[in-house]
N, C-alpha and C. Protein backbone atom coordinates (compact mmCIF):
# COMPACT_ATOMS: atom_id res chain seq x y z
N UNK A 1 -95.32 67.30 163.83
CA UNK A 1 -96.36 66.55 163.11
C UNK A 1 -97.16 65.71 164.10
N UNK A 2 -98.48 65.79 163.98
CA UNK A 2 -99.34 64.98 164.84
C UNK A 2 -100.12 64.02 163.97
N UNK A 3 -100.62 62.98 164.59
CA UNK A 3 -101.41 61.98 163.85
C UNK A 3 -102.42 61.39 164.80
N UNK A 4 -103.19 60.43 164.33
CA UNK A 4 -104.22 59.82 165.15
C UNK A 4 -103.84 58.38 165.48
N UNK A 5 -102.54 58.13 165.72
CA UNK A 5 -102.09 56.78 166.03
C UNK A 5 -102.82 56.22 167.23
N UNK A 6 -103.30 57.08 168.12
CA UNK A 6 -103.90 56.61 169.36
C UNK A 6 -105.33 56.12 169.17
N UNK A 7 -105.91 56.35 167.99
CA UNK A 7 -107.30 55.92 167.78
C UNK A 7 -107.38 54.39 167.82
N UNK A 8 -108.55 53.90 168.20
CA UNK A 8 -108.76 52.46 168.27
C UNK A 8 -108.57 51.83 166.90
N UNK A 9 -107.86 50.72 166.86
CA UNK A 9 -107.65 50.00 165.61
C UNK A 9 -108.89 49.19 165.28
N UNK A 10 -109.03 48.82 163.99
CA UNK A 10 -110.09 47.90 163.60
C UNK A 10 -109.80 46.57 164.29
N UNK A 11 -110.69 46.07 165.09
CA UNK A 11 -110.37 44.88 165.89
C UNK A 11 -110.25 43.61 165.06
N UNK A 12 -109.43 42.71 165.56
CA UNK A 12 -109.32 41.37 164.98
C UNK A 12 -110.35 40.50 165.69
N UNK A 13 -111.60 40.62 165.24
CA UNK A 13 -112.70 39.92 165.91
C UNK A 13 -113.70 39.45 164.87
N UNK A 14 -114.94 39.27 165.26
CA UNK A 14 -115.98 38.80 164.35
C UNK A 14 -116.29 39.88 163.31
N UNK A 15 -116.06 39.62 162.01
CA UNK A 15 -116.32 40.66 161.01
C UNK A 15 -117.78 41.08 160.93
N UNK A 16 -118.70 40.17 161.23
CA UNK A 16 -120.11 40.54 161.20
C UNK A 16 -120.45 41.50 162.34
N UNK A 17 -119.82 41.31 163.50
CA UNK A 17 -120.03 42.22 164.61
C UNK A 17 -119.46 43.60 164.30
N UNK A 18 -118.31 43.64 163.65
CA UNK A 18 -117.74 44.93 163.24
C UNK A 18 -118.67 45.62 162.26
N UNK A 19 -119.15 44.85 161.27
CA UNK A 19 -120.07 45.44 160.29
C UNK A 19 -121.31 45.99 160.97
N UNK A 20 -121.89 45.24 161.89
CA UNK A 20 -123.10 45.69 162.57
C UNK A 20 -122.86 46.98 163.32
N UNK A 21 -121.72 47.09 163.99
CA UNK A 21 -121.40 48.31 164.73
C UNK A 21 -121.22 49.49 163.78
N UNK A 22 -120.50 49.28 162.69
CA UNK A 22 -120.29 50.36 161.73
C UNK A 22 -121.59 50.75 161.04
N UNK A 23 -122.41 49.75 160.70
CA UNK A 23 -123.69 50.03 160.03
C UNK A 23 -124.61 50.82 160.96
N UNK A 24 -124.62 50.49 162.24
CA UNK A 24 -125.44 51.23 163.20
C UNK A 24 -125.00 52.70 163.25
N UNK A 25 -123.71 52.94 163.23
CA UNK A 25 -123.22 54.32 163.23
C UNK A 25 -123.60 55.03 161.94
N UNK A 26 -123.54 54.30 160.81
CA UNK A 26 -123.90 54.91 159.52
C UNK A 26 -125.37 55.30 159.49
N UNK A 27 -126.23 54.49 160.10
CA UNK A 27 -127.66 54.83 160.13
C UNK A 27 -127.90 56.13 160.90
N UNK A 28 -127.02 56.45 161.83
CA UNK A 28 -127.16 57.68 162.60
C UNK A 28 -126.55 58.89 161.90
N UNK A 29 -125.57 58.66 161.04
CA UNK A 29 -124.80 59.79 160.50
C UNK A 29 -125.00 60.06 159.01
N UNK A 30 -125.32 59.03 158.24
CA UNK A 30 -125.46 59.23 156.80
C UNK A 30 -126.76 59.96 156.48
N UNK A 31 -126.72 61.02 155.66
CA UNK A 31 -127.94 61.78 155.37
C UNK A 31 -128.94 61.03 154.50
N UNK A 32 -128.45 60.13 153.64
CA UNK A 32 -129.33 59.41 152.72
C UNK A 32 -128.86 57.97 152.55
N UNK A 33 -129.78 57.03 152.64
CA UNK A 33 -129.55 55.63 152.29
C UNK A 33 -128.25 55.05 152.84
N UNK A 34 -128.13 54.93 154.15
CA UNK A 34 -126.92 54.28 154.70
C UNK A 34 -126.78 52.83 154.26
N UNK A 35 -127.88 52.24 153.76
CA UNK A 35 -127.84 50.85 153.29
C UNK A 35 -127.51 50.74 151.80
N UNK A 36 -127.14 51.86 151.16
CA UNK A 36 -126.76 51.81 149.75
C UNK A 36 -125.40 51.15 149.59
N UNK A 37 -125.29 50.27 148.61
CA UNK A 37 -124.02 49.58 148.36
C UNK A 37 -123.85 49.40 146.86
N UNK A 38 -122.61 49.49 146.41
CA UNK A 38 -122.30 49.20 145.02
C UNK A 38 -122.22 47.68 144.86
N UNK A 39 -122.85 47.18 143.83
CA UNK A 39 -122.84 45.75 143.51
C UNK A 39 -122.12 45.57 142.18
N UNK A 40 -121.00 44.85 142.21
CA UNK A 40 -120.24 44.57 141.00
C UNK A 40 -120.48 43.14 140.57
N UNK A 41 -120.81 42.97 139.30
CA UNK A 41 -121.01 41.66 138.70
C UNK A 41 -120.13 41.56 137.46
N UNK A 42 -120.08 40.38 136.87
CA UNK A 42 -119.32 40.19 135.64
C UNK A 42 -119.96 39.11 134.80
N UNK A 43 -119.78 39.23 133.51
CA UNK A 43 -120.25 38.21 132.58
C UNK A 43 -119.30 37.01 132.61
N UNK A 44 -119.70 35.88 132.01
CA UNK A 44 -118.76 34.76 131.92
C UNK A 44 -117.46 35.13 131.20
N UNK A 45 -117.52 36.17 130.33
CA UNK A 45 -116.32 36.63 129.63
C UNK A 45 -115.53 37.66 130.41
N UNK A 46 -115.94 37.89 131.67
CA UNK A 46 -115.22 38.79 132.60
C UNK A 46 -115.44 40.27 132.32
N UNK A 47 -116.48 40.63 131.56
CA UNK A 47 -116.81 42.04 131.39
C UNK A 47 -117.54 42.52 132.65
N UNK A 48 -117.01 43.53 133.35
CA UNK A 48 -117.61 43.95 134.61
C UNK A 48 -118.72 44.96 134.43
N UNK A 49 -119.59 45.06 135.42
CA UNK A 49 -120.57 46.15 135.52
C UNK A 49 -120.86 46.37 136.99
N UNK A 50 -121.26 47.60 137.32
CA UNK A 50 -121.49 47.95 138.73
C UNK A 50 -122.66 48.91 138.80
N UNK A 51 -123.42 48.81 139.88
CA UNK A 51 -124.56 49.71 140.10
C UNK A 51 -124.85 49.74 141.60
N UNK A 52 -125.65 50.73 142.02
CA UNK A 52 -126.02 50.83 143.43
C UNK A 52 -127.31 50.06 143.67
N UNK A 53 -127.33 49.31 144.76
CA UNK A 53 -128.53 48.62 145.23
C UNK A 53 -128.65 48.87 146.72
N UNK A 54 -129.74 48.42 147.33
CA UNK A 54 -129.96 48.65 148.75
C UNK A 54 -129.90 47.34 149.53
N UNK A 55 -129.14 47.36 150.61
CA UNK A 55 -129.07 46.21 151.51
C UNK A 55 -130.41 46.09 152.25
N UNK A 56 -131.01 44.91 152.21
CA UNK A 56 -132.31 44.71 152.86
C UNK A 56 -132.28 43.65 153.95
N UNK A 57 -131.14 43.11 154.23
CA UNK A 57 -131.00 42.15 155.31
C UNK A 57 -129.54 41.76 155.42
N UNK A 58 -129.08 41.47 156.63
CA UNK A 58 -127.70 41.04 156.80
C UNK A 58 -127.56 40.29 158.11
N UNK A 59 -126.53 39.47 158.17
CA UNK A 59 -126.23 38.67 159.34
C UNK A 59 -125.18 37.65 158.99
N UNK A 60 -124.89 36.73 159.89
CA UNK A 60 -123.86 35.73 159.63
C UNK A 60 -124.10 34.88 158.38
N UNK A 61 -125.37 34.82 157.93
CA UNK A 61 -125.65 34.03 156.72
C UNK A 61 -125.43 34.83 155.45
N UNK A 62 -125.20 36.15 155.55
CA UNK A 62 -124.91 36.92 154.36
C UNK A 62 -125.63 38.25 154.28
N UNK A 63 -125.56 38.86 153.09
CA UNK A 63 -126.07 40.21 152.83
C UNK A 63 -127.10 40.12 151.70
N UNK A 64 -128.31 40.63 151.95
CA UNK A 64 -129.45 40.40 151.05
C UNK A 64 -129.85 41.67 150.31
N UNK A 65 -130.12 41.53 149.02
CA UNK A 65 -130.71 42.60 148.22
C UNK A 65 -131.74 41.98 147.28
N UNK A 66 -132.63 42.82 146.73
CA UNK A 66 -133.71 42.34 145.87
C UNK A 66 -133.62 43.02 144.51
N UNK A 67 -134.10 42.31 143.49
CA UNK A 67 -134.02 42.84 142.14
C UNK A 67 -134.92 42.06 141.20
N UNK A 68 -134.91 42.47 139.95
CA UNK A 68 -135.62 41.78 138.87
C UNK A 68 -134.67 40.76 138.25
N UNK A 69 -135.05 39.50 138.26
CA UNK A 69 -134.17 38.44 137.75
C UNK A 69 -133.91 38.58 136.25
N UNK A 70 -134.79 39.28 135.53
CA UNK A 70 -134.60 39.43 134.09
C UNK A 70 -133.80 40.68 133.74
N UNK A 71 -133.33 41.41 134.74
CA UNK A 71 -132.51 42.59 134.49
C UNK A 71 -131.11 42.19 134.05
N UNK A 72 -130.31 43.18 133.68
CA UNK A 72 -128.93 42.88 133.29
C UNK A 72 -128.18 42.22 134.43
N UNK A 73 -128.33 42.75 135.64
CA UNK A 73 -127.62 42.15 136.77
C UNK A 73 -128.12 40.74 137.04
N UNK A 74 -129.44 40.52 136.87
CA UNK A 74 -129.98 39.19 137.07
C UNK A 74 -129.41 38.19 136.09
N UNK A 75 -129.25 38.60 134.84
CA UNK A 75 -128.66 37.72 133.84
C UNK A 75 -127.21 37.42 134.14
N UNK A 76 -126.47 38.43 134.57
CA UNK A 76 -125.06 38.21 134.89
C UNK A 76 -124.91 37.33 136.12
N UNK A 77 -125.78 37.50 137.11
CA UNK A 77 -125.71 36.67 138.31
C UNK A 77 -126.07 35.22 138.01
N UNK A 78 -126.99 35.02 137.09
CA UNK A 78 -127.35 33.65 136.72
C UNK A 78 -126.18 32.94 136.03
N UNK A 79 -125.39 33.72 135.29
CA UNK A 79 -124.27 33.13 134.55
C UNK A 79 -122.99 33.06 135.37
N UNK A 80 -122.85 33.98 136.33
CA UNK A 80 -121.62 34.06 137.12
C UNK A 80 -121.99 34.55 138.52
N UNK A 81 -122.03 33.68 139.51
CA UNK A 81 -122.50 34.06 140.84
C UNK A 81 -121.49 34.81 141.70
N UNK A 82 -120.30 35.08 141.16
CA UNK A 82 -119.30 35.80 141.93
C UNK A 82 -119.58 37.30 141.90
N UNK A 83 -119.59 37.93 143.08
CA UNK A 83 -119.92 39.35 143.16
C UNK A 83 -118.99 40.04 144.15
N UNK A 84 -119.02 41.36 144.10
CA UNK A 84 -118.36 42.19 145.11
C UNK A 84 -119.32 43.30 145.50
N UNK A 85 -119.31 43.66 146.78
CA UNK A 85 -120.12 44.75 147.32
C UNK A 85 -119.18 45.81 147.89
N UNK A 86 -119.63 47.06 147.87
CA UNK A 86 -118.87 48.13 148.49
C UNK A 86 -119.82 49.09 149.18
N UNK A 87 -119.61 49.29 150.47
CA UNK A 87 -120.28 50.35 151.22
C UNK A 87 -119.29 51.50 151.39
N UNK A 88 -119.75 52.72 151.12
CA UNK A 88 -118.92 53.90 151.37
C UNK A 88 -119.73 54.88 152.21
N UNK A 89 -119.34 55.01 153.47
CA UNK A 89 -120.02 55.93 154.38
C UNK A 89 -119.15 57.17 154.54
N UNK A 90 -119.44 58.17 153.71
CA UNK A 90 -118.58 59.35 153.66
C UNK A 90 -118.58 60.11 154.97
N UNK A 91 -119.73 60.13 155.66
CA UNK A 91 -119.81 60.87 156.93
C UNK A 91 -118.88 60.28 157.98
N UNK A 92 -118.60 58.99 157.88
CA UNK A 92 -117.72 58.31 158.85
C UNK A 92 -116.32 58.07 158.28
N UNK A 93 -116.15 58.37 156.99
CA UNK A 93 -114.86 58.12 156.32
C UNK A 93 -114.48 56.65 156.43
N UNK A 94 -115.45 55.82 156.08
CA UNK A 94 -115.25 54.38 156.16
C UNK A 94 -115.72 53.70 154.89
N UNK A 95 -115.11 52.56 154.60
CA UNK A 95 -115.56 51.69 153.52
C UNK A 95 -115.56 50.24 154.02
N UNK A 96 -116.47 49.47 153.44
CA UNK A 96 -116.47 48.02 153.67
C UNK A 96 -116.58 47.35 152.31
N UNK A 97 -115.65 46.45 152.02
CA UNK A 97 -115.68 45.69 150.77
C UNK A 97 -115.99 44.22 151.09
N UNK A 98 -116.87 43.64 150.31
CA UNK A 98 -117.30 42.26 150.54
C UNK A 98 -117.21 41.50 149.22
N UNK A 99 -116.63 40.32 149.25
CA UNK A 99 -116.53 39.47 148.06
C UNK A 99 -117.14 38.11 148.39
N UNK A 100 -117.93 37.58 147.47
CA UNK A 100 -118.55 36.29 147.75
C UNK A 100 -119.38 35.77 146.61
N UNK A 101 -120.23 34.82 146.95
CA UNK A 101 -121.10 34.17 145.97
C UNK A 101 -122.56 34.44 146.32
N UNK A 102 -123.41 34.58 145.29
CA UNK A 102 -124.83 34.82 145.52
C UNK A 102 -125.61 33.52 145.42
N UNK A 103 -126.72 33.48 146.15
CA UNK A 103 -127.73 32.43 146.02
C UNK A 103 -129.09 33.09 146.19
N UNK A 104 -130.11 32.50 145.65
CA UNK A 104 -131.44 33.09 145.75
C UNK A 104 -132.00 32.92 147.16
N UNK A 105 -132.73 33.94 147.62
CA UNK A 105 -133.44 33.82 148.89
C UNK A 105 -134.63 32.88 148.67
N UNK A 106 -135.25 32.44 149.74
CA UNK A 106 -136.40 31.54 149.61
C UNK A 106 -137.61 32.33 149.11
N UNK A 107 -138.57 31.66 148.46
CA UNK A 107 -139.80 32.36 148.05
C UNK A 107 -140.51 33.02 149.24
N UNK A 108 -140.48 32.39 150.40
CA UNK A 108 -141.14 32.98 151.57
C UNK A 108 -140.47 34.28 151.98
N UNK A 109 -139.14 34.32 151.93
CA UNK A 109 -138.43 35.56 152.25
C UNK A 109 -138.78 36.66 151.24
N UNK A 110 -138.78 36.30 149.95
CA UNK A 110 -139.10 37.28 148.92
C UNK A 110 -140.53 37.79 149.06
N UNK A 111 -141.48 36.88 149.34
CA UNK A 111 -142.88 37.29 149.52
C UNK A 111 -143.01 38.26 150.68
N UNK A 112 -142.33 37.96 151.79
CA UNK A 112 -142.44 38.81 152.97
C UNK A 112 -141.87 40.19 152.71
N UNK A 113 -140.72 40.26 152.04
CA UNK A 113 -140.16 41.59 151.78
C UNK A 113 -141.01 42.35 150.77
N UNK A 114 -141.47 41.67 149.70
CA UNK A 114 -142.28 42.36 148.70
C UNK A 114 -143.54 42.93 149.34
N UNK A 115 -144.16 42.18 150.25
CA UNK A 115 -145.37 42.65 150.91
C UNK A 115 -145.11 43.85 151.82
N UNK A 116 -143.86 43.99 152.28
CA UNK A 116 -143.53 45.11 153.19
C UNK A 116 -143.29 46.41 152.44
N UNK A 117 -143.15 46.36 151.13
CA UNK A 117 -142.84 47.56 150.35
C UNK A 117 -144.08 48.46 150.23
N UNK A 118 -143.85 49.74 149.94
CA UNK A 118 -144.95 50.66 149.68
C UNK A 118 -145.75 50.15 148.48
N UNK A 119 -147.08 50.27 148.51
CA UNK A 119 -147.88 49.77 147.38
C UNK A 119 -147.43 50.30 146.03
N UNK A 120 -147.06 51.58 145.96
CA UNK A 120 -146.63 52.14 144.68
C UNK A 120 -145.33 51.50 144.21
N UNK A 121 -144.45 51.15 145.15
CA UNK A 121 -143.21 50.48 144.78
C UNK A 121 -143.48 49.07 144.26
N UNK A 122 -144.46 48.38 144.88
CA UNK A 122 -144.82 47.05 144.39
C UNK A 122 -145.35 47.14 142.96
N UNK A 123 -146.19 48.12 142.69
CA UNK A 123 -146.76 48.29 141.36
C UNK A 123 -145.67 48.65 140.36
N UNK A 124 -144.74 49.53 140.76
CA UNK A 124 -143.66 49.93 139.87
C UNK A 124 -142.76 48.76 139.50
N UNK A 125 -142.48 47.89 140.47
CA UNK A 125 -141.64 46.72 140.19
C UNK A 125 -142.33 45.76 139.23
N UNK A 126 -143.62 45.54 139.44
CA UNK A 126 -144.37 44.61 138.59
C UNK A 126 -144.49 45.14 137.16
N UNK A 127 -144.51 46.45 137.02
CA UNK A 127 -144.69 47.04 135.69
C UNK A 127 -143.39 47.15 134.90
N UNK A 128 -142.25 46.94 135.54
CA UNK A 128 -140.97 47.21 134.91
C UNK A 128 -140.35 45.96 134.28
N UNK A 129 -139.92 46.10 133.03
CA UNK A 129 -139.06 45.12 132.38
C UNK A 129 -137.63 45.64 132.52
N UNK A 130 -137.12 45.59 133.72
CA UNK A 130 -135.87 46.27 134.08
C UNK A 130 -134.73 45.95 133.11
N UNK A 131 -134.03 47.01 132.72
CA UNK A 131 -132.86 46.99 131.84
C UNK A 131 -133.20 46.84 130.36
N UNK A 132 -134.47 46.56 130.02
CA UNK A 132 -134.82 46.42 128.61
C UNK A 132 -135.15 47.79 128.02
N UNK A 133 -135.03 47.94 126.69
CA UNK A 133 -135.31 49.23 126.05
C UNK A 133 -136.75 49.69 126.33
N UNK A 134 -136.91 50.99 126.57
CA UNK A 134 -138.22 51.60 126.87
C UNK A 134 -138.48 52.67 125.82
N UNK A 135 -139.57 52.55 125.04
CA UNK A 135 -139.84 53.53 123.98
C UNK A 135 -139.98 54.95 124.52
N UNK A 136 -140.67 55.10 125.64
CA UNK A 136 -140.83 56.42 126.27
C UNK A 136 -141.25 56.19 127.72
N UNK A 137 -141.01 57.19 128.56
CA UNK A 137 -141.39 57.06 129.96
C UNK A 137 -142.90 56.89 130.11
N UNK A 138 -143.65 57.48 129.17
CA UNK A 138 -145.10 57.39 129.23
C UNK A 138 -145.56 55.93 129.15
N UNK A 139 -144.86 55.11 128.38
CA UNK A 139 -145.22 53.70 128.26
C UNK A 139 -145.15 53.02 129.62
N UNK A 140 -144.07 53.29 130.35
CA UNK A 140 -143.91 52.70 131.68
C UNK A 140 -145.00 53.21 132.63
N UNK A 141 -145.25 54.51 132.62
CA UNK A 141 -146.27 55.07 133.51
C UNK A 141 -147.66 54.54 133.18
N UNK A 142 -147.92 54.29 131.90
CA UNK A 142 -149.21 53.71 131.51
C UNK A 142 -149.35 52.30 132.06
N UNK A 143 -148.26 51.53 132.06
CA UNK A 143 -148.31 50.18 132.62
C UNK A 143 -148.55 50.24 134.13
N UNK A 144 -147.92 51.20 134.80
CA UNK A 144 -148.16 51.38 136.24
C UNK A 144 -149.62 51.74 136.48
N UNK A 145 -150.15 52.64 135.64
CA UNK A 145 -151.55 53.06 135.80
C UNK A 145 -152.51 51.89 135.59
N UNK A 146 -152.22 51.04 134.60
CA UNK A 146 -153.08 49.90 134.33
C UNK A 146 -153.08 48.93 135.51
N UNK A 147 -151.91 48.69 136.10
CA UNK A 147 -151.84 47.80 137.27
C UNK A 147 -152.51 48.44 138.49
N UNK A 148 -152.41 49.76 138.60
CA UNK A 148 -153.07 50.46 139.70
C UNK A 148 -154.58 50.30 139.62
N UNK A 149 -155.10 50.33 138.38
CA UNK A 149 -156.54 50.14 138.19
C UNK A 149 -156.94 48.71 138.52
N UNK A 150 -156.04 47.76 138.23
CA UNK A 150 -156.34 46.35 138.50
C UNK A 150 -156.19 46.01 139.98
N UNK A 151 -155.24 46.68 140.62
CA UNK A 151 -154.98 46.44 142.06
C UNK A 151 -155.00 47.79 142.77
N UNK A 152 -156.17 48.38 142.95
CA UNK A 152 -156.25 49.74 143.51
C UNK A 152 -155.68 49.87 144.91
N UNK A 153 -155.65 48.79 145.67
CA UNK A 153 -155.06 48.85 147.00
C UNK A 153 -153.56 48.57 146.99
N UNK A 154 -153.01 48.31 145.81
CA UNK A 154 -151.59 48.03 145.68
C UNK A 154 -151.20 46.63 146.12
N UNK A 155 -152.16 45.79 146.44
CA UNK A 155 -151.88 44.46 146.95
C UNK A 155 -151.65 43.48 145.80
N UNK A 156 -150.64 43.77 144.99
CA UNK A 156 -150.35 42.95 143.83
C UNK A 156 -149.44 41.79 144.24
N UNK A 157 -149.65 40.60 143.72
CA UNK A 157 -148.76 39.47 144.07
C UNK A 157 -147.34 39.73 143.58
N UNK A 158 -146.39 39.15 144.27
CA UNK A 158 -144.99 39.28 143.84
C UNK A 158 -144.81 38.59 142.49
N UNK A 159 -144.27 39.33 141.50
CA UNK A 159 -144.03 38.71 140.21
C UNK A 159 -142.98 37.60 140.33
N UNK A 160 -143.09 36.58 139.54
CA UNK A 160 -142.16 35.45 139.61
C UNK A 160 -140.74 35.87 139.27
N UNK A 161 -140.60 36.93 138.47
CA UNK A 161 -139.26 37.36 138.06
C UNK A 161 -138.61 38.30 139.07
N UNK A 162 -139.30 38.60 140.15
CA UNK A 162 -138.77 39.55 141.14
C UNK A 162 -138.51 38.81 142.45
N UNK A 163 -137.25 38.84 142.89
CA UNK A 163 -136.91 38.15 144.13
C UNK A 163 -135.60 38.72 144.66
N UNK A 164 -134.93 37.96 145.47
CA UNK A 164 -133.72 38.47 146.11
C UNK A 164 -132.56 37.51 146.04
N UNK A 165 -131.39 38.06 146.37
CA UNK A 165 -130.16 37.29 146.44
C UNK A 165 -129.52 37.48 147.80
N UNK A 166 -128.84 36.47 148.25
CA UNK A 166 -128.03 36.56 149.45
C UNK A 166 -126.57 36.37 149.06
N UNK A 167 -125.73 37.32 149.43
CA UNK A 167 -124.30 37.22 149.18
C UNK A 167 -123.64 36.56 150.39
N UNK A 168 -123.11 35.38 150.19
CA UNK A 168 -122.36 34.69 151.24
C UNK A 168 -120.90 35.11 151.12
N UNK A 169 -120.38 35.87 152.08
CA UNK A 169 -119.04 36.44 151.90
C UNK A 169 -117.93 35.42 152.07
N UNK A 170 -116.95 35.55 151.22
CA UNK A 170 -115.70 34.80 151.36
C UNK A 170 -114.59 35.71 151.90
N UNK A 171 -114.79 37.02 151.75
CA UNK A 171 -113.84 38.00 152.27
C UNK A 171 -114.59 39.28 152.62
N UNK A 172 -114.18 39.92 153.71
CA UNK A 172 -114.75 41.20 154.14
C UNK A 172 -113.58 42.09 154.54
N UNK A 173 -113.52 43.28 153.96
CA UNK A 173 -112.41 44.19 154.25
C UNK A 173 -112.95 45.52 154.78
N UNK A 174 -112.37 45.97 155.86
CA UNK A 174 -112.76 47.23 156.49
C UNK A 174 -111.66 48.27 156.27
N UNK A 175 -112.07 49.48 155.92
CA UNK A 175 -111.13 50.58 155.64
C UNK A 175 -111.57 51.80 156.46
N UNK A 176 -110.62 52.35 157.19
CA UNK A 176 -110.89 53.53 158.03
C UNK A 176 -109.94 54.65 157.64
N UNK A 177 -110.50 55.82 157.34
CA UNK A 177 -109.68 56.98 157.04
C UNK A 177 -108.89 57.41 158.27
N UNK A 178 -107.64 57.78 158.06
CA UNK A 178 -106.80 58.36 159.11
C UNK A 178 -106.15 59.63 158.58
N UNK A 179 -105.70 60.49 159.47
CA UNK A 179 -105.05 61.73 159.06
C UNK A 179 -103.77 61.44 158.29
N UNK A 180 -103.42 62.40 157.41
CA UNK A 180 -102.22 62.30 156.58
C UNK A 180 -102.25 61.07 155.68
N UNK A 181 -103.45 60.56 155.45
CA UNK A 181 -103.64 59.40 154.58
C UNK A 181 -102.93 58.15 155.10
N UNK A 182 -102.72 58.09 156.41
CA UNK A 182 -102.17 56.90 157.04
C UNK A 182 -103.32 55.97 157.41
N UNK A 183 -104.08 55.57 156.38
CA UNK A 183 -105.33 54.85 156.57
C UNK A 183 -105.10 53.46 157.16
N UNK A 184 -106.19 52.86 157.59
CA UNK A 184 -106.13 51.54 158.21
C UNK A 184 -107.03 50.58 157.45
N UNK A 185 -106.50 49.39 157.17
CA UNK A 185 -107.26 48.36 156.47
C UNK A 185 -107.07 47.03 157.17
N UNK A 186 -108.17 46.31 157.34
CA UNK A 186 -108.10 44.94 157.84
C UNK A 186 -108.98 44.07 156.95
N UNK A 187 -108.41 42.96 156.49
CA UNK A 187 -109.12 42.04 155.61
C UNK A 187 -109.34 40.72 156.32
N UNK A 188 -110.59 40.27 156.29
CA UNK A 188 -110.97 38.96 156.83
C UNK A 188 -111.23 38.02 155.66
N UNK A 189 -110.74 36.80 155.77
CA UNK A 189 -111.01 35.78 154.75
C UNK A 189 -111.54 34.52 155.43
N UNK A 190 -112.53 33.91 154.80
CA UNK A 190 -113.13 32.72 155.38
C UNK A 190 -112.15 31.55 155.31
N UNK A 191 -111.96 30.89 156.45
CA UNK A 191 -111.05 29.76 156.52
C UNK A 191 -111.78 28.48 156.13
N UNK A 192 -111.02 27.46 155.76
CA UNK A 192 -111.63 26.19 155.39
C UNK A 192 -112.36 25.56 156.56
N UNK A 193 -111.98 25.92 157.78
CA UNK A 193 -112.64 25.39 158.97
C UNK A 193 -114.00 26.05 159.22
N UNK A 194 -114.28 27.12 158.48
CA UNK A 194 -115.53 27.84 158.66
C UNK A 194 -115.40 29.12 159.44
N UNK A 195 -114.27 29.31 160.10
CA UNK A 195 -114.04 30.56 160.81
C UNK A 195 -113.44 31.61 159.90
N UNK A 196 -112.75 32.57 160.49
CA UNK A 196 -112.17 33.68 159.72
C UNK A 196 -110.72 33.87 160.11
N UNK A 197 -109.91 34.21 159.13
CA UNK A 197 -108.57 34.70 159.38
C UNK A 197 -108.55 36.18 159.03
N UNK A 198 -107.65 36.93 159.62
CA UNK A 198 -107.60 38.35 159.29
C UNK A 198 -106.17 38.86 159.34
N UNK A 199 -105.95 39.92 158.60
CA UNK A 199 -104.64 40.56 158.59
C UNK A 199 -104.81 42.03 158.27
N UNK A 200 -103.92 42.84 158.81
CA UNK A 200 -103.86 44.24 158.43
C UNK A 200 -103.18 44.34 157.06
N UNK A 201 -103.62 45.33 156.27
CA UNK A 201 -103.02 45.58 154.96
C UNK A 201 -102.43 46.98 154.92
N UNK A 202 -101.37 47.16 154.17
CA UNK A 202 -100.90 48.51 153.93
C UNK A 202 -102.01 49.31 153.25
N UNK A 203 -102.19 50.59 153.61
CA UNK A 203 -103.24 51.38 152.98
C UNK A 203 -102.86 51.76 151.55
């Protein structure tokens, strides 16, 4: 029987540096949306929900995504700021789990990101009452068309209900596939001193 015991272990170091290295590899290997992550939220009554969103910024201050504040996720985040994120990079056989609290990004950050989006995406976001009932797809497309006529260059201002959140992590866990399912897991938890503690976990 052979195994991959000799492979490099997940280091006991800065979790943000590990994430950056893994994310860089994912950008090279994943065929679609290496920045896709599952976002889990819950109501005050602990009813969970999960959906895919896109990571739009990250660093020691946290992990940023954008959305409609009036959506289902926006309502749940307003009522309960505790969230979990999951990255699954199948090409690398890796996962990263993040648990933490959300806070709103600044208006300047939201304005800058909204302005960087494709004009059609800006129009689509402004026209959407995300998560609310839609009588027919034609209704939504008509709203997009009306905004396109009003803002033919797509230079529509950022709607007040559209902005971003930053997830400040309290825990980050790295998972690496190994042969014979002898997988490797390391969990980092934020210490009261502001640093990180880490430990290996049984797979």
